[in-house]
Amino acid sequence: MKTILAVLLLSVSALASAHNCPNEMKAIDAKLGSASGISAENMAKIKSLRADGEKFHKEGKHDESMKALGEAKKMLGI
């Protein structure tokens, strides 16, 4: 019974993480529209990380997606 419960909890946490990727992308997109004082080089890196996050999300690689999106958010100061 405990094993079944553990598997269920892990599944739920994975789904919760998967559904958070779009919220992270929305936060990045909102900040990109008003971002100032960021070098062109850093802006290109942020946009690349954002695109990678979306690609990983669509591929079902949610941990990788959250990592890329988290780095983009950090660079944006959010």
PDB file of N, CA and C in Angstrom:
ATOM      1  N   MET A   1       0.830  -1.198   0.000  1.00  0.00           N
ATOM      2  CA  MET A   1       0.000   0.000   0.000  1.00  0.00           C
ATOM      3  C   MET A   1       0.872   1.259   0.000  1.00  0.00           C
ATOM      4  N   LYS A   2       1.940   1.257   0.801  1.00  0.00           N
ATOM      5  CA  LYS A   2       2.823   2.420   0.864  1.00  0.00           C
ATOM      6  C   LYS A   2       3.511   2.656  -0.484  1.00  0.00           C
ATOM      7  N   THR A   3       3.852   1.581  -1.175  1.00  0.00           N
ATOM      8  CA  THR A   3       4.498   1.712  -2.480  1.00  0.00           C
ATOM      9  C   THR A   3       3.556   2.361  -3.483  1.00  0.00           C
ATOM     10  N   ILE A   4       2.321   1.954  -3.465  1.00  0.00           N
ATOM     11  CA  ILE A   4       1.331   2.529  -4.376  1.00  0.00           C
ATOM     12  C   ILE A   4       1.148   4.015  -4.084  1.00  0.00           C
ATOM     13  N   LEU A   5       1.082   4.354  -2.816  1.00  0.00           N
ATOM     14  CA  LEU A   5       0.936   5.749  -2.424  1.00  0.00           C
ATOM     15  C   LEU A   5       2.146   6.579  -2.863  1.00  0.00           C
ATOM     16  N   ALA A   6       3.337   6.033  -2.705  1.00  0.00           N
ATOM     17  CA  ALA A   6       4.561   6.741  -3.111  1.00  0.00           C
ATOM     18  C   ALA A   6       4.574   6.979  -4.619  1.00  0.00           C
ATOM     19  N   VAL A   7       4.194   5.977  -5.386  1.00  0.00           N
ATOM     20  CA  VAL A   7       4.150   6.113  -6.839  1.00  0.00           C
ATOM     21  C   VAL A   7       3.108   7.155  -7.241  1.00  0.00           C
ATOM     22  N   LEU A   8       1.979   7.135  -6.587  1.00  0.00           N
ATOM     23  CA  LEU A   8       0.926   8.103  -6.873  1.00  0.00           C
ATOM     24  C   LEU A   8       1.392   9.526  -6.576  1.00  0.00           C
ATOM     25  N   LEU A   9       2.048   9.731  -5.449  1.00  0.00           N
ATOM     26  CA  LEU A   9       2.542  11.057  -5.088  1.00  0.00           C
ATOM     27  C   LEU A   9       3.600  11.549  -6.069  1.00  0.00           C
ATOM     28  N   LEU A  10       4.482  10.683  -6.506  1.00  0.00           N
ATOM     29  CA  LEU A  10       5.490  11.065  -7.490  1.00  0.00           C
ATOM     30  C   LEU A  10       4.852  11.447  -8.822  1.00  0.00           C
ATOM     31  N   SER A  11       3.833  10.711  -9.209  1.00  0.00           N
ATOM     32  CA  SER A  11       3.133  11.007 -10.456  1.00  0.00           C
ATOM     33  C   SER A  11       2.453  12.365 -10.395  1.00  0.00           C
ATOM     34  N   VAL A  12       1.815  12.647  -9.286  1.00  0.00           N
ATOM     35  CA  VAL A  12       1.120  13.920  -9.122  1.00  0.00           C
ATOM     36  C   VAL A  12       2.119  15.073  -9.144  1.00  0.00           C
ATOM     37  N   SER A  13       3.256  14.918  -8.480  1.00  0.00           N
ATOM     38  CA  SER A  13       4.245  16.004  -8.461  1.00  0.00           C
ATOM     39  C   SER A  13       4.828  16.226  -9.849  1.00  0.00           C
ATOM     40  N   ALA A  14       5.004  15.176 -10.621  1.00  0.00           N
ATOM     41  CA  ALA A  14       5.506  15.323 -11.988  1.00  0.00           C
ATOM     42  C   ALA A  14       4.495  16.062 -12.854  1.00  0.00           C
ATOM     43  N   LEU A  15       3.217  15.756 -12.680  1.00  0.00           N
ATOM     44  CA  LEU A  15       2.182  16.452 -13.440  1.00  0.00           C
ATOM     45  C   LEU A  15       2.096  17.916 -13.043  1.00  0.00           C
ATOM     46  N   ALA A  16       2.233  18.193 -11.774  1.00  0.00           N
ATOM     47  CA  ALA A  16       2.188  19.585 -11.319  1.00  0.00           C
ATOM     48  C   ALA A  16       3.329  20.379 -11.924  1.00  0.00           C
ATOM     49  N   SER A  17       4.490  19.786 -11.976  1.00  0.00           N
ATOM     50  CA  SER A  17       5.648  20.448 -12.581  1.00  0.00           C
ATOM     51  C   SER A  17       5.416  20.659 -14.069  1.00  0.00           C
ATOM     52  N   ALA A  18       4.832  19.697 -14.731  1.00  0.00           N
ATOM     53  CA  ALA A  18       4.575  19.794 -16.166  1.00  0.00           C
ATOM     54  C   ALA A  18       3.624  20.933 -16.479  1.00  0.00           C
ATOM     55  N   HIS A  19       2.669  21.157 -15.612  1.00  0.00           N
ATOM     56  CA  HIS A  19       1.685  22.204 -15.863  1.00  0.00           C
ATOM     57  C   HIS A  19       2.203  23.583 -15.489  1.00  0.00           C
ATOM     58  N   ASN A  20       3.322  23.656 -14.791  1.00  0.00           N
ATOM     59  CA  ASN A  20       3.868  24.948 -14.405  1.00  0.00           C
ATOM     60  C   ASN A  20       4.715  25.566 -15.511  1.00  0.00           C
ATOM     61  N   CYS A  21       5.207  24.772 -16.435  1.00  0.00           N
ATOM     62  CA  CYS A  21       6.048  25.289 -17.515  1.00  0.00           C
ATOM     63  C   CYS A  21       5.363  26.446 -18.259  1.00  0.00           C
ATOM     64  N   PRO A  22       4.098  26.305 -18.662  1.00  0.00           N
ATOM     65  CA  PRO A  22       3.450  27.413 -19.372  1.00  0.00           C
ATOM     66  C   PRO A  22       3.367  28.685 -18.531  1.00  0.00           C
ATOM     67  N   ASN A  23       3.166  28.553 -17.226  1.00  0.00           N
ATOM     68  CA  ASN A  23       3.130  29.735 -16.354  1.00  0.00           C
ATOM     69  C   ASN A  23       4.491  30.421 -16.312  1.00  0.00           C
ATOM     70  N   GLU A  24       5.548  29.627 -16.288  1.00  0.00           N
ATOM     71  CA  GLU A  24       6.895  30.190 -16.295  1.00  0.00           C
ATOM     72  C   GLU A  24       7.150  30.920 -17.617  1.00  0.00           C
ATOM     73  N   MET A  25       6.718  30.338 -18.722  1.00  0.00           N
ATOM     74  CA  MET A  25       6.897  30.974 -20.034  1.00  0.00           C
ATOM     75  C   MET A  25       6.130  32.295 -20.105  1.00  0.00           C
ATOM     76  N   LYS A  26       4.924  32.317 -19.547  1.00  0.00           N
ATOM     77  CA  LYS A  26       4.123  33.548 -19.538  1.00  0.00           C
ATOM     78  C   LYS A  26       4.810  34.640 -18.729  1.00  0.00           C
ATOM     79  N   ALA A  27       5.397  34.276 -17.596  1.00  0.00           N
ATOM     80  CA  ALA A  27       6.093  35.252 -16.759  1.00  0.00           C
ATOM     81  C   ALA A  27       7.295  35.839 -17.507  1.00  0.00           C
ATOM     82  N   ILE A  28       8.014  34.982 -18.205  1.00  0.00           N
ATOM     83  CA  ILE A  28       9.172  35.443 -18.982  1.00  0.00           C
ATOM     84  C   ILE A  28       8.707  36.365 -20.102  1.00  0.00           C
ATOM     85  N   ASP A  29       7.677  35.949 -20.817  1.00  0.00           N
ATOM     86  CA  ASP A  29       7.165  36.764 -21.927  1.00  0.00           C
ATOM     87  C   ASP A  29       6.711  38.142 -21.442  1.00  0.00           C
ATOM     88  N   ALA A  30       6.048  38.186 -20.295  1.00  0.00           N
ATOM     89  CA  ALA A  30       5.570  39.454 -19.753  1.00  0.00           C
ATOM     90  C   ALA A  30       6.736  40.371 -19.404  1.00  0.00           C
ATOM     91  N   LYS A  31       7.775  39.815 -18.823  1.00  0.00           N
ATOM     92  CA  LYS A  31       8.939  40.610 -18.433  1.00  0.00           C
ATOM     93  C   LYS A  31       9.744  41.045 -19.659  1.00  0.00           C
ATOM     94  N   LEU A  32       9.806  40.198 -20.687  1.00  0.00           N
ATOM     95  CA  LEU A  32      10.545  40.550 -21.900  1.00  0.00           C
ATOM     96  C   LEU A  32       9.995  41.824 -22.536  1.00  0.00           C
ATOM     97  N   GLY A  33       8.694  41.997 -22.451  1.00  0.00           N
ATOM     98  CA  GLY A  33       8.063  43.167 -23.046  1.00  0.00           C
ATOM     99  C   GLY A  33       8.469  44.469 -22.392  1.00  0.00           C
ATOM    100  N   SER A  34       8.878  44.409 -21.133  1.00  0.00           N
ATOM    101  CA  SER A  34       9.227  45.640 -20.416  1.00  0.00           C
ATOM    102  C   SER A  34      10.673  45.654 -19.930  1.00  0.00           C
ATOM    103  N   ALA A  35      11.457  44.686 -20.352  1.00  0.00           N
ATOM    104  CA  ALA A  35      12.842  44.586 -19.892  1.00  0.00           C
ATOM    105  C   ALA A  35      13.682  45.713 -20.486  1.00  0.00           C
ATOM    106  N   SER A  36      14.488  46.323 -19.630  1.00  0.00           N
ATOM    107  CA  SER A  36      15.404  47.354 -20.105  1.00  0.00           C
ATOM    108  C   SER A  36      16.735  47.183 -19.394  1.00  0.00           C
ATOM    109  N   GLY A  37      17.766  47.707 -19.991  1.00  0.00           N
ATOM    110  CA  GLY A  37      19.080  47.626 -19.381  1.00  0.00           C
ATOM    111  C   GLY A  37      19.738  46.265 -19.513  1.00  0.00           C
ATOM    112  N   ILE A  38      19.224  45.432 -20.395  1.00  0.00           N
ATOM    113  CA  ILE A  38      19.805  44.107 -20.620  1.00  0.00           C
ATOM    114  C   ILE A  38      20.555  44.156 -21.945  1.00  0.00           C
ATOM    115  N   SER A  39      21.789  43.694 -21.934  1.00  0.00           N
ATOM    116  CA  SER A  39      22.599  43.733 -23.147  1.00  0.00           C
ATOM    117  C   SER A  39      21.970  42.855 -24.231  1.00  0.00           C
ATOM    118  N   ALA A  40      22.299  43.154 -25.460  1.00  0.00           N
ATOM    119  CA  ALA A  40      21.783  42.371 -26.591  1.00  0.00           C
ATOM    120  C   ALA A  40      22.220  40.913 -26.473  1.00  0.00           C
ATOM    121  N   GLU A  41      23.427  40.699 -25.991  1.00  0.00           N
ATOM    122  CA  GLU A  41      23.934  39.337 -25.822  1.00  0.00           C
ATOM    123  C   GLU A  41      23.116  38.576 -24.785  1.00  0.00           C
ATOM    124  N   ASN A  42      22.851  39.208 -23.643  1.00  0.00           N
ATOM    125  CA  ASN A  42      22.054  38.554 -22.601  1.00  0.00           C
ATOM    126  C   ASN A  42      20.613  38.362 -23.052  1.00  0.00           C
ATOM    127  N   MET A  43      20.071  39.326 -23.790  1.00  0.00           N
ATOM    128  CA  MET A  43      18.698  39.188 -24.290  1.00  0.00           C
ATOM    129  C   MET A  43      18.593  37.993 -25.240  1.00  0.00           C
ATOM    130  N   ALA A  44      19.595  37.812 -26.081  1.00  0.00           N
ATOM    131  CA  ALA A  44      19.603  36.658 -26.988  1.00  0.00           C
ATOM    132  C   ALA A  44      19.658  35.359 -26.198  1.00  0.00           C
ATOM    133  N   LYS A  45      20.454  35.329 -25.129  1.00  0.00           N
ATOM    134  CA  LYS A  45      20.565  34.135 -24.284  1.00  0.00           C
ATOM    135  C   LYS A  45      19.236  33.846 -23.588  1.00  0.00           C
ATOM    136  N   ILE A  46      18.583  34.893 -23.086  1.00  0.00           N
ATOM    137  CA  ILE A  46      17.288  34.731 -22.420  1.00  0.00           C
ATOM    138  C   ILE A  46      16.262  34.160 -23.388  1.00  0.00           C
ATOM    139  N   LYS A  47      16.217  34.710 -24.585  1.00  0.00           N
ATOM    140  CA  LYS A  47      15.257  34.233 -25.588  1.00  0.00           C
ATOM    141  C   LYS A  47      15.555  32.800 -26.001  1.00  0.00           C
ATOM    142  N   SER A  48      16.832  32.447 -26.069  1.00  0.00           N
ATOM    143  CA  SER A  48      17.215  31.073 -26.393  1.00  0.00           C
ATOM    144  C   SER A  48      16.784  30.113 -25.283  1.00  0.00           C
ATOM    145  N   LEU A  49      17.010  30.509 -24.032  1.00  0.00           N
ATOM    146  CA  LEU A  49      16.584  29.677 -22.902  1.00  0.00           C
ATOM    147  C   LEU A  49      15.068  29.525 -22.882  1.00  0.00           C
ATOM    148  N   ARG A  50      14.354  30.582 -23.185  1.00  0.00           N
ATOM    149  CA  ARG A  50      12.888  30.554 -23.235  1.00  0.00           C
ATOM    150  C   ARG A  50      12.418  29.566 -24.303  1.00  0.00           C
ATOM    151  N   ALA A  51      13.053  29.633 -25.470  1.00  0.00           N
ATOM    152  CA  ALA A  51      12.703  28.722 -26.572  1.00  0.00           C
ATOM    153  C   ALA A  51      13.038  27.276 -26.204  1.00  0.00           C
ATOM    154  N   ASP A  52      14.184  27.072 -25.577  1.00  0.00           N
ATOM    155  CA  ASP A  52      14.558  25.722 -25.133  1.00  0.00           C
ATOM    156  C   ASP A  52      13.545  25.188 -24.134  1.00  0.00           C
ATOM    157  N   GLY A  53      13.123  26.045 -23.206  1.00  0.00           N
ATOM    158  CA  GLY A  53      12.130  25.630 -22.209  1.00  0.00           C
ATOM    159  C   GLY A  53      10.842  25.176 -22.854  1.00  0.00           C
ATOM    160  N   GLU A  54      10.382  25.905 -23.860  1.00  0.00           N
ATOM    161  CA  GLU A  54       9.154  25.521 -24.555  1.00  0.00           C
ATOM    162  C   GLU A  54       9.346  24.210 -25.318  1.00  0.00           C
ATOM    163  N   LYS A  55      10.498  24.069 -25.962  1.00  0.00           N
ATOM    164  CA  LYS A  55      10.785  22.834 -26.713  1.00  0.00           C
ATOM    165  C   LYS A  55      10.798  21.633 -25.776  1.00  0.00           C
ATOM    166  N   PHE A  56      11.507  21.774 -24.651  1.00  0.00           N
ATOM    167  CA  PHE A  56      11.566  20.673 -23.683  1.00  0.00           C
ATOM    168  C   PHE A  56      10.175  20.351 -23.139  1.00  0.00           C
ATOM    169  N   HIS A  57       9.373  21.362 -22.879  1.00  0.00           N
ATOM    170  CA  HIS A  57       8.013  21.144 -22.382  1.00  0.00           C
ATOM    171  C   HIS A  57       7.209  20.319 -23.385  1.00  0.00           C
ATOM    172  N   LYS A  58       7.276  20.687 -24.648  1.00  0.00           N
ATOM    173  CA  LYS A  58       6.526  19.966 -25.686  1.00  0.00           C
ATOM    174  C   LYS A  58       7.010  18.532 -25.846  1.00  0.00           C
ATOM    175  N   GLU A  59       8.296  18.298 -25.532  1.00  0.00           N
ATOM    176  CA  GLU A  59       8.863  16.947 -25.623  1.00  0.00           C
ATOM    177  C   GLU A  59       8.605  16.124 -24.361  1.00  0.00           C
ATOM    178  N   GLY A  60       7.978  16.745 -23.357  1.00  0.00           N
ATOM    179  CA  GLY A  60       7.705  16.043 -22.109  1.00  0.00           C
ATOM    180  C   GLY A  60       8.884  16.020 -21.158  1.00  0.00           C
ATOM    181  N   LYS A  61       9.911  16.812 -21.440  1.00  0.00           N
ATOM    182  CA  LYS A  61      11.106  16.882 -20.594  1.00  0.00           C
ATOM    183  C   LYS A  61      10.955  18.073 -19.646  1.00  0.00           C
ATOM    184  N   HIS A  62      10.090  17.917 -18.676  1.00  0.00           N
ATOM    185  CA  HIS A  62       9.697  19.035 -17.836  1.00  0.00           C
ATOM    186  C   HIS A  62      10.788  19.493 -16.871  1.00  0.00           C
ATOM    187  N   ASP A  63      11.618  18.597 -16.410  1.00  0.00           N
ATOM    188  CA  ASP A  63      12.723  19.011 -15.543  1.00  0.00           C
ATOM    189  C   ASP A  63      13.689  19.908 -16.308  1.00  0.00           C
ATOM    190  N   GLU A  64      14.013  19.498 -17.539  1.00  0.00           N
ATOM    191  CA  GLU A  64      14.901  20.304 -18.368  1.00  0.00           C
ATOM    192  C   GLU A  64      14.247  21.639 -18.708  1.00  0.00           C
ATOM    193  N   SER A  65      12.944  21.607 -18.961  1.00  0.00           N
ATOM    194  CA  SER A  65      12.204  22.823 -19.270  1.00  0.00           C
ATOM    195  C   SER A  65      12.269  23.799 -18.105  1.00  0.00           C
ATOM    196  N   MET A  66      11.996  23.324 -16.915  1.00  0.00           N
ATOM    197  CA  MET A  66      11.999  24.185 -15.738  1.00  0.00           C
ATOM    198  C   MET A  66      13.402  24.736 -15.460  1.00  0.00           C
ATOM    199  N   LYS A  67      14.418  23.951 -15.743  1.00  0.00           N
ATOM    200  CA  LYS A  67      15.788  24.411 -15.542  1.00  0.00           C
ATOM    201  C   LYS A  67      16.099  25.565 -16.498  1.00  0.00           C
ATOM    202  N   ALA A  68      15.776  25.400 -17.777  1.00  0.00           N
ATOM    203  CA  ALA A  68      16.034  26.454 -18.773  1.00  0.00           C
ATOM    204  C   ALA A  68      15.210  27.700 -18.464  1.00  0.00           C
ATOM    205  N   LEU A  69      13.943  27.515 -18.147  1.00  0.00           N
ATOM    206  CA  LEU A  69      13.081  28.651 -17.848  1.00  0.00           C
ATOM    207  C   LEU A  69      13.520  29.356 -16.566  1.00  0.00           C
ATOM    208  N   GLY A  70      13.973  28.598 -15.595  1.00  0.00           N
ATOM    209  CA  GLY A  70      14.464  29.181 -14.348  1.00  0.00           C
ATOM    210  C   GLY A  70      15.694  30.047 -14.581  1.00  0.00           C
ATOM    211  N   GLU A  71      16.569  29.586 -15.453  1.00  0.00           N
ATOM    212  CA  GLU A  71      17.764  30.375 -15.763  1.00  0.00           C
ATOM    213  C   GLU A  71      17.382  31.663 -16.480  1.00  0.00           C
ATOM    214  N   ALA A  72      16.414  31.579 -17.402  1.00  0.00           N
ATOM    215  CA  ALA A  72      15.941  32.786 -18.099  1.00  0.00           C
ATOM    216  C   ALA A  72      15.337  33.776 -17.103  1.00  0.00           C
ATOM    217  N   LYS A  73      14.538  33.265 -16.177  1.00  0.00           N
ATOM    218  CA  LYS A  73      13.924  34.134 -15.164  1.00  0.00           C
ATOM    219  C   LYS A  73      14.989  34.782 -14.294  1.00  0.00           C
ATOM    220  N   LYS A  74      15.994  34.025 -13.939  1.00  0.00           N
ATOM    221  CA  LYS A  74      17.081  34.564 -13.107  1.00  0.00           C
ATOM    222  C   LYS A  74      17.780  35.704 -13.844  1.00  0.00           C
ATOM    223  N   MET A  75      18.039  35.523 -15.121  1.00  0.00           N
ATOM    224  CA  MET A  75      18.707  36.565 -15.908  1.00  0.00           C
ATOM    225  C   MET A  75      17.838  37.812 -16.039  1.00  0.00           C
ATOM    226  N   LEU A  76      16.513  37.609 -16.012  1.00  0.00           N
ATOM    227  CA  LEU A  76      15.576  38.745 -16.100  1.00  0.00           C
ATOM    228  C   LEU A  76      15.322  39.389 -14.747  1.00  0.00           C
ATOM    229  N   GLY A  77      15.763  38.745 -13.696  1.00  0.00           N
ATOM    230  CA  GLY A  77      15.551  39.287 -12.351  1.00  0.00           C
ATOM    231  C   GLY A  77      14.178  39.007 -11.795  1.00  0.00           C
ATOM    232  N   ILE A  78      13.576  37.902 -12.226  1.00  0.00           N
ATOM    233  CA  ILE A  78      12.256  37.519 -11.693  1.00  0.00           C
ATOM    234  C   ILE A  78      12.330  36.142 -11.060  1.00  0.00           C
TER     235      ILE A  78
END
